[in-house]
């Protein structure tokens, strides 16, 4: 696990993370994403921790549940922005439920990209 701190700009959204000046810390599990965010100049490495293999499955399940809960709390405008960010074709999507279903389907089909 890599803990990063936003060091440039007022906010950053991308690579599956969102950081603001009020909430500057983010965690990513991938070294590639961590390296990419640091290379962007917006983040610095705050900490690198090892996740024990036994708890990895539990952490992934908790993160998935948290993500599902968070997406339900998002406004339609936020869902539209997220759909655009992950490259979803939004033709025909009108309601909040439509966007939630499309985003969840994309995450199931392409877990590393969504």
PDB file of N, CA and C in Angstrom:
ATOM      1  N   UNK A   1       0.839  -1.163   0.000  1.00  0.00           N
ATOM      2  CA  UNK A   1       0.000   0.000   0.000  1.00  0.00           C
ATOM      3  C   UNK A   1       0.888   1.230   0.000  1.00  0.00           C
ATOM      4  N   UNK A   2       0.514   2.240  -0.765  1.00  0.00           N
ATOM      5  CA  UNK A   2       1.287   3.463  -0.871  1.00  0.00           C
ATOM      6  C   UNK A   2       0.407   4.632  -0.443  1.00  0.00           C
ATOM      7  N   UNK A   3       0.867   5.375   0.533  1.00  0.00           N
ATOM      8  CA  UNK A   3       0.143   6.550   1.004  1.00  0.00           C
ATOM      9  C   UNK A   3       0.815   7.771   0.385  1.00  0.00           C
ATOM     10  N   UNK A   4       0.014   8.561  -0.330  1.00  0.00           N
ATOM     11  CA  UNK A   4       0.531   9.726  -1.021  1.00  0.00           C
ATOM     12  C   UNK A   4      -0.108  10.990  -0.468  1.00  0.00           C
ATOM     13  N   UNK A   5       0.598  12.098  -0.606  1.00  0.00           N
ATOM     14  CA  UNK A   5       0.078  13.379  -0.143  1.00  0.00           C
ATOM     15  C   UNK A   5       0.060  14.361  -1.303  1.00  0.00           C
ATOM     16  N   UNK A   6      -1.081  15.027  -1.483  1.00  0.00           N
ATOM     17  CA  UNK A   6      -1.215  16.068  -2.492  1.00  0.00           C
ATOM     18  C   UNK A   6      -0.311  17.239  -2.103  1.00  0.00           C
ATOM     19  N   UNK A   7       0.605  17.613  -2.997  1.00  0.00           N
ATOM     20  CA  UNK A   7       1.548  18.683  -2.684  1.00  0.00           C
ATOM     21  C   UNK A   7       1.462  19.850  -3.663  1.00  0.00           C
ATOM     22  N   UNK A   8       0.648  19.697  -4.711  1.00  0.00           N
ATOM     23  CA  UNK A   8       0.537  20.738  -5.724  1.00  0.00           C
ATOM     24  C   UNK A   8      -0.931  20.891  -6.103  1.00  0.00           C
ATOM     25  N   UNK A   9      -1.414  22.093  -6.159  1.00  0.00           N
ATOM     26  CA  UNK A   9      -2.781  22.356  -6.597  1.00  0.00           C
ATOM     27  C   UNK A   9      -3.779  22.299  -5.451  1.00  0.00           C
ATOM     28  N   UNK A  10      -4.992  22.724  -5.765  1.00  0.00           N
ATOM     29  CA  UNK A  10      -6.066  22.734  -4.774  1.00  0.00           C
ATOM     30  C   UNK A  10      -6.735  21.367  -4.659  1.00  0.00           C
ATOM     31  N   UNK A  11      -6.770  20.635  -5.780  1.00  0.00           N
ATOM     32  CA  UNK A  11      -7.378  19.307  -5.755  1.00  0.00           C
ATOM     33  C   UNK A  11      -6.852  18.495  -6.927  1.00  0.00           C
ATOM     34  N   UNK A  12      -7.069  17.193  -6.858  1.00  0.00           N
ATOM     35  CA  UNK A  12      -6.662  16.286  -7.930  1.00  0.00           C
ATOM     36  C   UNK A  12      -7.645  15.129  -7.975  1.00  0.00           C
ATOM     37  N   UNK A  13      -8.115  14.804  -9.171  1.00  0.00           N
ATOM     38  CA  UNK A  13      -8.968  13.638  -9.370  1.00  0.00           C
ATOM     39  C   UNK A  13      -8.437  12.896 -10.585  1.00  0.00           C
ATOM     40  N   UNK A  14      -8.154  11.638 -10.418  1.00  0.00           N
ATOM     41  CA  UNK A  14      -7.657  10.814 -11.513  1.00  0.00           C
ATOM     42  C   UNK A  14      -7.001   9.563 -10.974  1.00  0.00           C
ATOM     43  N   UNK A  15      -6.786   8.589 -11.833  1.00  0.00           N
ATOM     44  CA  UNK A  15      -6.172   7.325 -11.447  1.00  0.00           C
ATOM     45  C   UNK A  15      -6.912   6.673 -10.272  1.00  0.00           C
ATOM     46  N   UNK A  16      -8.211   6.935 -10.171  1.00  0.00           N
ATOM     47  CA  UNK A  16      -8.993   6.325  -9.099  1.00  0.00           C
ATOM     48  C   UNK A  16      -8.831   6.971  -7.736  1.00  0.00           C
ATOM     49  N   UNK A  17      -8.224   8.152  -7.682  1.00  0.00           N
ATOM     50  CA  UNK A  17      -8.060   8.840  -6.398  1.00  0.00           C
ATOM     51  C   UNK A  17      -8.620  10.248  -6.489  1.00  0.00           C
ATOM     52  N   UNK A  18      -8.966  10.779  -5.340  1.00  0.00           N
ATOM     53  CA  UNK A  18      -9.426  12.153  -5.251  1.00  0.00           C
ATOM     54  C   UNK A  18      -8.806  12.753  -3.998  1.00  0.00           C
ATOM     55  N   UNK A  19      -8.129  13.882  -4.169  1.00  0.00           N
ATOM     56  CA  UNK A  19      -7.486  14.549  -3.045  1.00  0.00           C
ATOM     57  C   UNK A  19      -7.780  16.040  -3.120  1.00  0.00           C
ATOM     58  N   UNK A  20      -7.868  16.664  -1.963  1.00  0.00           N
ATOM     59  CA  UNK A  20      -8.066  18.110  -1.867  1.00  0.00           C
ATOM     60  C   UNK A  20      -7.102  18.647  -0.822  1.00  0.00           C
ATOM     61  N   UNK A  21      -7.020  19.962  -0.716  1.00  0.00           N
ATOM     62  CA  UNK A  21      -6.169  20.548   0.309  1.00  0.00           C
ATOM     63  C   UNK A  21      -6.659  20.175   1.697  1.00  0.00           C
ATOM     64  N   UNK A  22      -7.967  20.034   1.873  1.00  0.00           N
ATOM     65  CA  UNK A  22      -8.513  19.650   3.172  1.00  0.00           C
ATOM     66  C   UNK A  22      -8.290  18.182   3.467  1.00  0.00           C
ATOM     67  N   UNK A  23      -8.228  17.353   2.429  1.00  0.00           N
ATOM     68  CA  UNK A  23      -8.032  15.911   2.564  1.00  0.00           C
ATOM     69  C   UNK A  23      -6.920  15.491   1.598  1.00  0.00           C
ATOM     70  N   UNK A  24      -5.661  15.816   1.920  1.00  0.00           N
ATOM     71  CA  UNK A  24      -4.584  15.642   0.950  1.00  0.00           C
ATOM     72  C   UNK A  24      -4.030  14.221   0.817  1.00  0.00           C
ATOM     73  N   UNK A  25      -4.389  13.311   1.712  1.00  0.00           N
ATOM     74  CA  UNK A  25      -3.807  11.977   1.675  1.00  0.00           C
ATOM     75  C   UNK A  25      -4.690  10.990   0.919  1.00  0.00           C
ATOM     76  N   UNK A  26      -4.057  10.158   0.097  1.00  0.00           N
ATOM     77  CA  UNK A  26      -4.738   9.081  -0.618  1.00  0.00           C
ATOM     78  C   UNK A  26      -3.891   7.827  -0.483  1.00  0.00           C
ATOM     79  N   UNK A  27      -4.532   6.682  -0.629  1.00  0.00           N
ATOM     80  CA  UNK A  27      -3.810   5.413  -0.607  1.00  0.00           C
ATOM     81  C   UNK A  27      -4.094   4.660  -1.892  1.00  0.00           C
ATOM     82  N   UNK A  28      -3.053   4.097  -2.464  1.00  0.00           N
ATOM     83  CA  UNK A  28      -3.182   3.257  -3.647  1.00  0.00           C
ATOM     84  C   UNK A  28      -2.420   1.965  -3.404  1.00  0.00           C
ATOM     85  N   UNK A  29      -2.887   0.895  -3.995  1.00  0.00           N
ATOM     86  CA  UNK A  29      -2.244  -0.401  -3.771  1.00  0.00           C
ATOM     87  C   UNK A  29      -1.220  -0.730  -4.847  1.00  0.00           C
ATOM     88  N   UNK A  30      -1.280  -0.051  -5.964  1.00  0.00           N
ATOM     89  CA  UNK A  30      -0.414  -0.356  -7.097  1.00  0.00           C
ATOM     90  C   UNK A  30       0.817   0.552  -7.131  1.00  0.00           C
ATOM     91  N   UNK A  31       1.979  -0.054  -7.261  1.00  0.00           N
ATOM     92  CA  UNK A  31       3.213   0.722  -7.384  1.00  0.00           C
ATOM     93  C   UNK A  31       3.197   1.556  -8.654  1.00  0.00           C
ATOM     94  N   UNK A  32       2.618   1.007  -9.732  1.00  0.00           N
ATOM     95  CA  UNK A  32       2.562   1.727 -10.995  1.00  0.00           C
ATOM     96  C   UNK A  32       1.739   3.004 -10.861  1.00  0.00           C
ATOM     97  N   UNK A  33       0.581   2.919 -10.190  1.00  0.00           N
ATOM     98  CA  UNK A  33      -0.258   4.097  -9.998  1.00  0.00           C
ATOM     99  C   UNK A  33       0.456   5.090  -9.090  1.00  0.00           C
ATOM    100  N   UNK A  34       1.056   4.584  -8.029  1.00  0.00           N
ATOM    101  CA  UNK A  34       1.804   5.449  -7.115  1.00  0.00           C
ATOM    102  C   UNK A  34       2.895   6.201  -7.864  1.00  0.00           C
ATOM    103  N   UNK A  35       3.675   5.486  -8.654  1.00  0.00           N
ATOM    104  CA  UNK A  35       4.756   6.110  -9.419  1.00  0.00           C
ATOM    105  C   UNK A  35       4.215   7.148 -10.404  1.00  0.00           C
ATOM    106  N   UNK A  36       3.093   6.827 -11.035  1.00  0.00           N
ATOM    107  CA  UNK A  36       2.488   7.747 -11.995  1.00  0.00           C
ATOM    108  C   UNK A  36       2.012   9.028 -11.321  1.00  0.00           C
ATOM    109  N   UNK A  37       1.380   8.884 -10.165  1.00  0.00           N
ATOM    110  CA  UNK A  37       0.891  10.058  -9.438  1.00  0.00           C
ATOM    111  C   UNK A  37       2.054  10.929  -8.946  1.00  0.00           C
ATOM    112  N   UNK A  38       3.109  10.293  -8.485  1.00  0.00           N
ATOM    113  CA  UNK A  38       4.282  11.040  -8.034  1.00  0.00           C
ATOM    114  C   UNK A  38       4.939  11.746  -9.221  1.00  0.00           C
ATOM    115  N   UNK A  39       5.030  11.050 -10.356  1.00  0.00           N
ATOM    116  CA  UNK A  39       5.630  11.631 -11.557  1.00  0.00           C
ATOM    117  C   UNK A  39       4.827  12.824 -12.073  1.00  0.00           C
ATOM    118  N   UNK A  40       3.521  12.866 -11.773  1.00  0.00           N
ATOM    119  CA  UNK A  40       2.696  13.989 -12.221  1.00  0.00           C
ATOM    120  C   UNK A  40       3.089  15.291 -11.533  1.00  0.00           C
ATOM    121  N   UNK A  41       3.765  15.167 -10.394  1.00  0.00           N
ATOM    122  CA  UNK A  41       4.163  16.343  -9.650  1.00  0.00           C
ATOM    123  C   UNK A  41       3.136  16.807  -8.625  1.00  0.00           C
ATOM    124  N   UNK A  42       1.970  16.178  -8.637  1.00  0.00           N
ATOM    125  CA  UNK A  42       0.914  16.568  -7.707  1.00  0.00           C
ATOM    126  C   UNK A  42       1.032  15.879  -6.347  1.00  0.00           C
ATOM    127  N   UNK A  43       1.769  14.762  -6.288  1.00  0.00           N
ATOM    128  CA  UNK A  43       1.839  13.976  -5.056  1.00  0.00           C
ATOM    129  C   UNK A  43       3.278  13.674  -4.669  1.00  0.00           C
ATOM    130  N   UNK A  44       3.463  13.454  -3.364  1.00  0.00           N
ATOM    131  CA  UNK A  44       4.726  12.922  -2.866  1.00  0.00           C
ATOM    132  C   UNK A  44       4.391  11.681  -2.041  1.00  0.00           C
ATOM    133  N   UNK A  45       5.355  10.793  -1.926  1.00  0.00           N
ATOM    134  CA  UNK A  45       5.146   9.570  -1.152  1.00  0.00           C
ATOM    135  C   UNK A  45       5.188   9.911   0.329  1.00  0.00           C
ATOM    136  N   UNK A  46       4.107   9.580   1.033  1.00  0.00           N
ATOM    137  CA  UNK A  46       4.045   9.839   2.471  1.00  0.00           C
ATOM    138  C   UNK A  46       4.465   8.587   3.244  1.00  0.00           C
ATOM    139  N   UNK A  47       4.069   7.403   2.750  1.00  0.00           N
ATOM    140  CA  UNK A  47       4.423   6.153   3.426  1.00  0.00           C
ATOM    141  C   UNK A  47       4.179   4.982   2.489  1.00  0.00           C
ATOM    142  N   UNK A  48       4.953   3.944   2.695  1.00  0.00           N
ATOM    143  CA  UNK A  48       4.779   2.692   1.964  1.00  0.00           C
ATOM    144  C   UNK A  48       4.630   1.597   3.001  1.00  0.00           C
ATOM    145  N   UNK A  49       3.533   0.880   2.930  1.00  0.00           N
ATOM    146  CA  UNK A  49       3.290  -0.178   3.907  1.00  0.00           C
ATOM    147  C   UNK A  49       3.012  -1.489   3.203  1.00  0.00           C
ATOM    148  N   UNK A  50       3.357  -2.558   3.847  1.00  0.00           N
ATOM    149  CA  UNK A  50       3.060  -3.885   3.327  1.00  0.00           C
ATOM    150  C   UNK A  50       1.738  -4.344   3.886  1.00  0.00           C
ATOM    151  N   UNK A  51       0.924  -4.928   3.041  1.00  0.00           N
ATOM    152  CA  UNK A  51      -0.346  -5.489   3.475  1.00  0.00           C
ATOM    153  C   UNK A  51      -0.162  -6.988   3.613  1.00  0.00           C
ATOM    154  N   UNK A  52      -0.377  -7.544   4.802  1.00  0.00           N
ATOM    155  CA  UNK A  52      -0.252  -8.990   4.955  1.00  0.00           C
ATOM    156  C   UNK A  52      -1.185  -9.720   4.006  1.00  0.00           C
ATOM    157  N   UNK A  53      -0.718 -10.810   3.420  1.00  0.00           N
ATOM    158  CA  UNK A  53      -1.502 -11.555   2.440  1.00  0.00           C
ATOM    159  C   UNK A  53      -2.823 -12.036   3.007  1.00  0.00           C
ATOM    160  N   UNK A  54      -2.875 -12.402   4.252  1.00  0.00           N
ATOM    161  CA  UNK A  54      -4.109 -12.917   4.847  1.00  0.00           C
ATOM    162  C   UNK A  54      -5.200 -11.867   4.896  1.00  0.00           C
ATOM    163  N   UNK A  55      -4.827 -10.617   5.073  1.00  0.00           N
ATOM    164  CA  UNK A  55      -5.849  -9.582   5.180  1.00  0.00           C
ATOM    165  C   UNK A  55      -6.152  -8.910   3.848  1.00  0.00           C
ATOM    166  N   UNK A  56      -5.433  -9.255   2.799  1.00  0.00           N
ATOM    167  CA  UNK A  56      -5.653  -8.644   1.503  1.00  0.00           C
ATOM    168  C   UNK A  56      -7.065  -8.882   1.006  1.00  0.00           C
ATOM    169  N   UNK A  57      -7.566 -10.104   1.115  1.00  0.00           N
ATOM    170  CA  UNK A  57      -8.916 -10.420   0.662  1.00  0.00           C
ATOM    171  C   UNK A  57      -9.941  -9.652   1.470  1.00  0.00           C
ATOM    172  N   UNK A  58      -9.770  -9.582   2.764  1.00  0.00           N
ATOM    173  CA  UNK A  58     -10.705  -8.843   3.617  1.00  0.00           C
ATOM    174  C   UNK A  58     -10.673  -7.355   3.274  1.00  0.00           C
ATOM    175  N   UNK A  59      -9.486  -6.819   3.044  1.00  0.00           N
ATOM    176  CA  UNK A  59      -9.369  -5.407   2.678  1.00  0.00           C
ATOM    177  C   UNK A  59     -10.029  -5.128   1.339  1.00  0.00           C
ATOM    178  N   UNK A  60      -9.852  -6.022   0.377  1.00  0.00           N
ATOM    179  CA  UNK A  60     -10.465  -5.839  -0.939  1.00  0.00           C
ATOM    180  C   UNK A  60     -11.986  -5.871  -0.831  1.00  0.00           C
ATOM    181  N   UNK A  61     -12.508  -6.789  -0.032  1.00  0.00           N
ATOM    182  CA  UNK A  61     -13.958  -6.873   0.152  1.00  0.00           C
ATOM    183  C   UNK A  61     -14.490  -5.619   0.834  1.00  0.00           C
ATOM    184  N   UNK A  62     -13.779  -5.126   1.823  1.00  0.00           N
ATOM    185  CA  UNK A  62     -14.199  -3.901   2.520  1.00  0.00           C
ATOM    186  C   UNK A  62     -14.139  -2.707   1.581  1.00  0.00           C
ATOM    187  N   UNK A  63     -13.103  -2.627   0.763  1.00  0.00           N
ATOM    188  CA  UNK A  63     -12.978  -1.521  -0.182  1.00  0.00           C
ATOM    189  C   UNK A  63     -14.097  -1.562  -1.213  1.00  0.00           C
ATOM    190  N   UNK A  64     -14.442  -2.769  -1.670  1.00  0.00           N
ATOM    191  CA  UNK A  64     -15.521  -2.909  -2.643  1.00  0.00           C
ATOM    192  C   UNK A  64     -16.846  -2.459  -2.044  1.00  0.00           C
ATOM    193  N   UNK A  65     -17.121  -2.871  -0.814  1.00  0.00           N
ATOM    194  CA  UNK A  65     -18.346  -2.462  -0.143  1.00  0.00           C
ATOM    195  C   UNK A  65     -18.364  -0.955   0.057  1.00  0.00           C
ATOM    196  N   UNK A  66     -17.226  -0.382   0.446  1.00  0.00           N
ATOM    197  CA  UNK A  66     -17.130   1.060   0.649  1.00  0.00           C
ATOM    198  C   UNK A  66     -17.356   1.800  -0.663  1.00  0.00           C
ATOM    199  N   UNK A  67     -16.776   1.296  -1.748  1.00  0.00           N
ATOM    200  CA  UNK A  67     -16.945   1.942  -3.047  1.00  0.00           C
ATOM    201  C   UNK A  67     -18.402   1.912  -3.483  1.00  0.00           C
ATOM    202  N   UNK A  68     -19.076   0.778  -3.259  1.00  0.00           N
ATOM    203  CA  UNK A  68     -20.489   0.678  -3.609  1.00  0.00           C
ATOM    204  C   UNK A  68     -21.305   1.662  -2.791  1.00  0.00           C
ATOM    205  N   UNK A  69     -20.996   1.801  -1.522  1.00  0.00           N
ATOM    206  CA  UNK A  69     -21.708   2.735  -0.669  1.00  0.00           C
ATOM    207  C   UNK A  69     -21.446   4.167  -1.127  1.00  0.00           C
ATOM    208  N   UNK A  70     -20.204   4.491  -1.419  1.00  0.00           N
ATOM    209  CA  UNK A  70     -19.856   5.841  -1.843  1.00  0.00           C
ATOM    210  C   UNK A  70     -20.553   6.218  -3.138  1.00  0.00           C
ATOM    211  N   UNK A  71     -20.621   5.300  -4.082  1.00  0.00           N
ATOM    212  CA  UNK A  71     -21.232   5.595  -5.376  1.00  0.00           C
ATOM    213  C   UNK A  71     -22.728   5.878  -5.204  1.00  0.00           C
ATOM    214  N   UNK A  72     -23.347   5.229  -4.266  1.00  0.00           N
ATOM    215  CA  UNK A  72     -24.768   5.462  -3.997  1.00  0.00           C
ATOM    216  C   UNK A  72     -25.000   6.863  -3.444  1.00  0.00           C
ATOM    217  N   UNK A  73     -24.013   7.419  -2.765  1.00  0.00           N
ATOM    218  CA  UNK A  73     -24.138   8.743  -2.150  1.00  0.00           C
ATOM    219  C   UNK A  73     -23.827   9.873  -3.132  1.00  0.00           C
ATOM    220  N   UNK A  74     -23.262   9.536  -4.290  1.00  0.00           N
ATOM    221  CA  UNK A  74     -22.860  10.554  -5.245  1.00  0.00           C
ATOM    222  C   UNK A  74     -24.070  11.184  -5.922  1.00  0.00           C
ATOM    223  N   UNK A  75     -23.924  12.457  -6.284  1.00  0.00           N
ATOM    224  CA  UNK A  75     -24.980  13.140  -7.032  1.00  0.00           C
ATOM    225  C   UNK A  75     -24.902  12.704  -8.491  1.00  0.00           C
ATOM    226  N   UNK A  76     -25.947  13.023  -9.239  1.00  0.00           N
ATOM    227  CA  UNK A  76     -25.957  12.687 -10.662  1.00  0.00           C
ATOM    228  C   UNK A  76     -24.797  13.379 -11.377  1.00  0.00           C
ATOM    229  N   UNK A  77     -24.519  14.618 -11.020  1.00  0.00           N
ATOM    230  CA  UNK A  77     -23.398  15.346 -11.640  1.00  0.00           C
ATOM    231  C   UNK A  77     -22.063  14.655 -11.346  1.00  0.00           C
ATOM    232  N   UNK A  78     -21.889  14.184 -10.114  1.00  0.00           N
ATOM    233  CA  UNK A  78     -20.660  13.479  -9.749  1.00  0.00           C
ATOM    234  C   UNK A  78     -20.549  12.159 -10.512  1.00  0.00           C
ATOM    235  N   UNK A  79     -21.678  11.468 -10.656  1.00  0.00           N
ATOM    236  CA  UNK A  79     -21.676  10.204 -11.396  1.00  0.00           C
ATOM    237  C   UNK A  79     -21.334  10.437 -12.867  1.00  0.00           C
ATOM    238  N   UNK A  80     -21.868  11.511 -13.439  1.00  0.00           N
ATOM    239  CA  UNK A  80     -21.545  11.840 -14.831  1.00  0.00           C
ATOM    240  C   UNK A  80     -20.051  12.120 -14.982  1.00  0.00           C
ATOM    241  N   UNK A  81     -19.495  12.855 -14.040  1.00  0.00           N
ATOM    242  CA  UNK A  81     -18.067  13.162 -14.091  1.00  0.00           C
ATOM    243  C   UNK A  81     -17.224  11.897 -13.961  1.00  0.00           C
ATOM    244  N   UNK A  82     -17.630  11.015 -13.063  1.00  0.00           N
ATOM    245  CA  UNK A  82     -16.911   9.750 -12.892  1.00  0.00           C
ATOM    246  C   UNK A  82     -16.990   8.907 -14.156  1.00  0.00           C
ATOM    247  N   UNK A  83     -18.170   8.836 -14.744  1.00  0.00           N
ATOM    248  CA  UNK A  83     -18.341   8.068 -15.983  1.00  0.00           C
ATOM    249  C   UNK A  83     -17.434   8.612 -17.078  1.00  0.00           C
ATOM    250  N   UNK A  84     -17.347   9.926 -17.183  1.00  0.00           N
ATOM    251  CA  UNK A  84     -16.479  10.544 -18.180  1.00  0.00           C
ATOM    252  C   UNK A  84     -15.013  10.240 -17.869  1.00  0.00           C
ATOM    253  N   UNK A  85     -14.656  10.307 -16.588  1.00  0.00           N
ATOM    254  CA  UNK A  85     -13.278  10.073 -16.168  1.00  0.00           C
ATOM    255  C   UNK A  85     -12.810   8.671 -16.523  1.00  0.00           C
ATOM    256  N   UNK A  86     -13.690   7.682 -16.369  1.00  0.00           N
ATOM    257  CA  UNK A  86     -13.273   6.304 -16.662  1.00  0.00           C
ATOM    258  C   UNK A  86     -13.573   5.896 -18.100  1.00  0.00           C
ATOM    259  N   UNK A  87     -14.068   6.858 -18.902  1.00  0.00           N
ATOM    260  CA  UNK A  87     -14.237   6.611 -20.329  1.00  0.00           C
ATOM    261  C   UNK A  87     -15.473   5.836 -20.721  1.00  0.00           C
ATOM    262  N   UNK A  88     -16.539   5.942 -19.951  1.00  0.00           N
ATOM    263  CA  UNK A  88     -17.774   5.233 -20.276  1.00  0.00           C
ATOM    264  C   UNK A  88     -18.541   5.939 -21.382  1.00  0.00           C
ATOM    265  N   UNK A  89     -19.177   5.150 -22.248  1.00  0.00           N
ATOM    266  CA  UNK A  89     -20.109   5.690 -23.233  1.00  0.00           C
ATOM    267  C   UNK A  89     -21.423   5.923 -22.494  1.00  0.00           C
ATOM    268  N   UNK A  90     -21.843   7.172 -22.391  1.00  0.00           N
ATOM    269  CA  UNK A  90     -23.017   7.502 -21.581  1.00  0.00           C
ATOM    270  C   UNK A  90     -24.276   7.740 -22.413  1.00  0.00           C
ATOM    271  N   UNK A  91     -24.224   7.417 -23.701  1.00  0.00           N
ATOM    272  CA  UNK A  91     -25.412   7.574 -24.541  1.00  0.00           C
ATOM    273  C   UNK A  91     -26.540   6.732 -23.963  1.00  0.00           C
ATOM    274  N   UNK A  92     -27.685   7.343 -23.804  1.00  0.00           N
ATOM    275  CA  UNK A  92     -28.856   6.624 -23.309  1.00  0.00           C
ATOM    276  C   UNK A  92     -28.960   6.583 -21.794  1.00  0.00           C
ATOM    277  N   UNK A  93     -27.936   7.028 -21.079  1.00  0.00           N
ATOM    278  CA  UNK A  93     -27.996   7.048 -19.617  1.00  0.00           C
ATOM    279  C   UNK A  93     -28.670   8.343 -19.180  1.00  0.00           C
ATOM    280  N   UNK A  94     -29.728   8.213 -18.379  1.00  0.00           N
ATOM    281  CA  UNK A  94     -30.473   9.403 -17.981  1.00  0.00           C
ATOM    282  C   UNK A  94     -30.555   9.559 -16.469  1.00  0.00           C
ATOM    283  N   UNK A  95     -30.808   8.485 -15.774  1.00  0.00           N
ATOM    284  CA  UNK A  95     -31.044   8.589 -14.333  1.00  0.00           C
ATOM    285  C   UNK A  95     -29.793   8.223 -13.541  1.00  0.00           C
ATOM    286  N   UNK A  96     -29.821   8.564 -12.271  1.00  0.00           N
ATOM    287  CA  UNK A  96     -28.740   8.223 -11.355  1.00  0.00           C
ATOM    288  C   UNK A  96     -28.549   6.703 -11.336  1.00  0.00           C
ATOM    289  N   UNK A  97     -29.655   5.973 -11.319  1.00  0.00           N
ATOM    290  CA  UNK A  97     -29.583   4.505 -11.310  1.00  0.00           C
ATOM    291  C   UNK A  97     -28.904   3.970 -12.565  1.00  0.00           C
ATOM    292  N   UNK A  98     -29.165   4.603 -13.717  1.00  0.00           N
ATOM    293  CA  UNK A  98     -28.526   4.188 -14.974  1.00  0.00           C
ATOM    294  C   UNK A  98     -27.012   4.349 -14.879  1.00  0.00           C
ATOM    295  N   UNK A  99     -26.567   5.487 -14.344  1.00  0.00           N
ATOM    296  CA  UNK A  99     -25.129   5.741 -14.218  1.00  0.00           C
ATOM    297  C   UNK A  99     -24.486   4.780 -13.217  1.00  0.00           C
ATOM    298  N   UNK A 100     -25.139   4.547 -12.100  1.00  0.00           N
ATOM    299  CA  UNK A 100     -24.600   3.619 -11.098  1.00  0.00           C
ATOM    300  C   UNK A 100     -24.432   2.233 -11.700  1.00  0.00           C
ATOM    301  N   UNK A 101     -25.455   1.774 -12.410  1.00  0.00           N
ATOM    302  CA  UNK A 101     -25.384   0.443 -13.026  1.00  0.00           C
ATOM    303  C   UNK A 101     -24.256   0.374 -14.056  1.00  0.00           C
ATOM    304  N   UNK A 102     -24.121   1.400 -14.884  1.00  0.00           N
ATOM    305  CA  UNK A 102     -23.073   1.405 -15.914  1.00  0.00           C
ATOM    306  C   UNK A 102     -21.682   1.432 -15.293  1.00  0.00           C
ATOM    307  N   UNK A 103     -21.505   2.236 -14.257  1.00  0.00           N
ATOM    308  CA  UNK A 103     -20.200   2.325 -13.589  1.00  0.00           C
ATOM    309  C   UNK A 103     -19.858   1.009 -12.908  1.00  0.00           C
ATOM    310  N   UNK A 104     -20.825   0.424 -12.208  1.00  0.00           N
ATOM    311  CA  UNK A 104     -20.577  -0.863 -11.552  1.00  0.00           C
ATOM    312  C   UNK A 104     -20.269  -1.953 -12.570  1.00  0.00           C
ATOM    313  N   UNK A 105     -20.957  -1.956 -13.697  1.00  0.00           N
ATOM    314  CA  UNK A 105     -20.692  -2.944 -14.747  1.00  0.00           C
ATOM    315  C   UNK A 105     -19.283  -2.759 -15.307  1.00  0.00           C
ATOM    316  N   UNK A 106     -18.886  -1.518 -15.529  1.00  0.00           N
ATOM    317  CA  UNK A 106     -17.535  -1.248 -16.047  1.00  0.00           C
ATOM    318  C   UNK A 106     -16.484  -1.724 -15.059  1.00  0.00           C
ATOM    319  N   UNK A 107     -16.734  -1.513 -13.762  1.00  0.00           N
ATOM    320  CA  UNK A 107     -15.772  -1.948 -12.749  1.00  0.00           C
ATOM    321  C   UNK A 107     -15.685  -3.464 -12.687  1.00  0.00           C
ATOM    322  N   UNK A 108     -16.794  -4.152 -12.929  1.00  0.00           N
ATOM    323  CA  UNK A 108     -16.766  -5.619 -12.936  1.00  0.00           C
ATOM    324  C   UNK A 108     -16.025  -6.147 -14.160  1.00  0.00           C
ATOM    325  N   UNK A 109     -16.251  -5.504 -15.325  1.00  0.00           N
ATOM    326  CA  UNK A 109     -15.631  -5.968 -16.565  1.00  0.00           C
ATOM    327  C   UNK A 109     -14.164  -5.581 -16.651  1.00  0.00           C
ATOM    328  N   UNK A 110     -13.818  -4.398 -16.146  1.00  0.00           N
ATOM    329  CA  UNK A 110     -12.452  -3.871 -16.248  1.00  0.00           C
ATOM    330  C   UNK A 110     -11.998  -3.361 -14.879  1.00  0.00           C
ATOM    331  N   UNK A 111     -11.787  -4.233 -13.910  1.00  0.00           N
ATOM    332  CA  UNK A 111     -11.469  -3.791 -12.544  1.00  0.00           C
ATOM    333  C   UNK A 111     -10.203  -2.960 -12.431  1.00  0.00           C
ATOM    334  N   UNK A 112      -9.229  -3.156 -13.292  1.00  0.00           N
ATOM    335  CA  UNK A 112      -7.980  -2.407 -13.181  1.00  0.00           C
ATOM    336  C   UNK A 112      -8.081  -1.022 -13.797  1.00  0.00           C
ATOM    337  N   UNK A 113      -9.092  -0.797 -14.653  1.00  0.00           N
ATOM    338  CA  UNK A 113      -9.215   0.485 -15.330  1.00  0.00           C
ATOM    339  C   UNK A 113     -10.221   1.400 -14.665  1.00  0.00           C
ATOM    340  N   UNK A 114     -11.199   0.865 -13.974  1.00  0.00           N
ATOM    341  CA  UNK A 114     -12.264   1.689 -13.396  1.00  0.00           C
ATOM    342  C   UNK A 114     -11.887   2.180 -12.024  1.00  0.00           C
TER     343      UNK A 114
END
